[in-house]
Amino acid sequence: EMVPLLLAANEQYGHGGRAQDILGRAAEQLAKRP
């Protein structure tokens, strides 16, 4: 799964608004996968 990778990237970038937005979109795309 790529979710742990996204969470790790989120922690690495901290609470940057843009990073959160990008990760959020990526998470949404992953959630749409079967």
N, C-alpha and C. Protein backbone atom coordinates (compact mmCIF):
# COMPACT_ATOMS: atom_id res chain seq x y z
N GLU A 1 0.84 -1.22 0.00
CA GLU A 1 0.00 0.00 0.00
C GLU A 1 0.86 1.25 0.00
N MET A 2 0.33 2.27 -0.63
CA MET A 2 1.08 3.53 -0.68
C MET A 2 0.66 4.48 0.42
N VAL A 3 -0.39 4.10 1.16
CA VAL A 3 -0.88 4.99 2.21
C VAL A 3 0.20 5.29 3.25
N PRO A 4 0.92 4.28 3.77
CA PRO A 4 1.99 4.58 4.73
C PRO A 4 3.03 5.52 4.14
N LEU A 5 3.29 5.37 2.85
CA LEU A 5 4.25 6.24 2.18
C LEU A 5 3.74 7.68 2.17
N LEU A 6 2.44 7.85 1.92
CA LEU A 6 1.85 9.18 1.92
C LEU A 6 1.91 9.79 3.31
N LEU A 7 1.64 8.97 4.32
CA LEU A 7 1.67 9.47 5.69
C LEU A 7 3.09 9.89 6.07
N ALA A 8 4.07 9.11 5.63
CA ALA A 8 5.46 9.44 5.92
C ALA A 8 5.85 10.74 5.23
N ALA A 9 5.40 10.91 3.99
CA ALA A 9 5.70 12.14 3.26
C ALA A 9 5.03 13.32 3.94
N ASN A 10 3.82 13.10 4.46
CA ASN A 10 3.10 14.16 5.15
C ASN A 10 3.87 14.62 6.37
N GLU A 11 4.42 13.66 7.11
CA GLU A 11 5.19 14.01 8.31
C GLU A 11 6.47 14.74 7.91
N GLN A 12 7.07 14.29 6.81
CA GLN A 12 8.33 14.89 6.36
C GLN A 12 8.13 16.35 5.97
N TYR A 13 7.03 16.62 5.28
CA TYR A 13 6.78 17.99 4.83
C TYR A 13 6.15 18.86 5.93
N GLY A 14 5.75 18.20 7.02
CA GLY A 14 5.16 18.96 8.11
C GLY A 14 3.74 19.38 7.78
N HIS A 15 3.35 20.58 8.24
CA HIS A 15 1.97 21.00 8.07
C HIS A 15 1.84 22.03 6.96
N GLY A 16 2.69 21.88 5.93
CA GLY A 16 2.60 22.82 4.81
C GLY A 16 1.27 22.68 4.10
N GLY A 17 0.58 23.77 3.90
CA GLY A 17 -0.75 23.72 3.28
C GLY A 17 -0.73 23.06 1.91
N ARG A 18 0.25 23.42 1.10
CA ARG A 18 0.29 22.87 -0.26
C ARG A 18 0.59 21.38 -0.23
N ALA A 19 1.50 20.96 0.64
CA ALA A 19 1.84 19.53 0.75
C ALA A 19 0.60 18.76 1.18
N GLN A 20 -0.15 19.32 2.13
CA GLN A 20 -1.37 18.66 2.60
C GLN A 20 -2.36 18.50 1.46
N ASP A 21 -2.49 19.53 0.65
CA ASP A 21 -3.45 19.50 -0.47
C ASP A 21 -3.05 18.42 -1.48
N ILE A 22 -1.76 18.38 -1.82
CA ILE A 22 -1.28 17.39 -2.79
C ILE A 22 -1.49 15.98 -2.26
N LEU A 23 -1.14 15.77 -0.99
CA LEU A 23 -1.30 14.44 -0.40
C LEU A 23 -2.77 14.08 -0.30
N GLY A 24 -3.59 15.07 -0.02
CA GLY A 24 -5.02 14.81 0.08
C GLY A 24 -5.59 14.34 -1.25
N ARG A 25 -5.15 14.97 -2.32
CA ARG A 25 -5.63 14.57 -3.65
C ARG A 25 -5.13 13.17 -3.98
N ALA A 26 -3.89 12.87 -3.65
CA ALA A 26 -3.33 11.55 -3.92
C ALA A 26 -4.10 10.50 -3.13
N ALA A 27 -4.42 10.82 -1.88
CA ALA A 27 -5.17 9.88 -1.04
C ALA A 27 -6.55 9.62 -1.63
N GLU A 28 -7.16 10.67 -2.17
CA GLU A 28 -8.49 10.50 -2.78
C GLU A 28 -8.40 9.58 -3.99
N GLN A 29 -7.36 9.73 -4.79
CA GLN A 29 -7.19 8.88 -5.96
C GLN A 29 -6.99 7.43 -5.54
N LEU A 30 -6.20 7.21 -4.48
CA LEU A 30 -5.96 5.86 -3.99
C LEU A 30 -7.26 5.26 -3.45
N ALA A 31 -8.05 6.09 -2.81
CA ALA A 31 -9.30 5.60 -2.21
C ALA A 31 -10.28 5.15 -3.29
N LYS A 32 -10.16 5.72 -4.48
CA LYS A 32 -11.08 5.37 -5.57
C LYS A 32 -10.70 4.04 -6.22
N ARG A 33 -9.47 3.58 -5.94
CA ARG A 33 -9.04 2.32 -6.54
C ARG A 33 -9.72 1.14 -5.84
N PRO A 34 -9.97 0.06 -6.60
CA PRO A 34 -10.62 -1.12 -6.02
C PRO A 34 -9.71 -1.85 -5.04
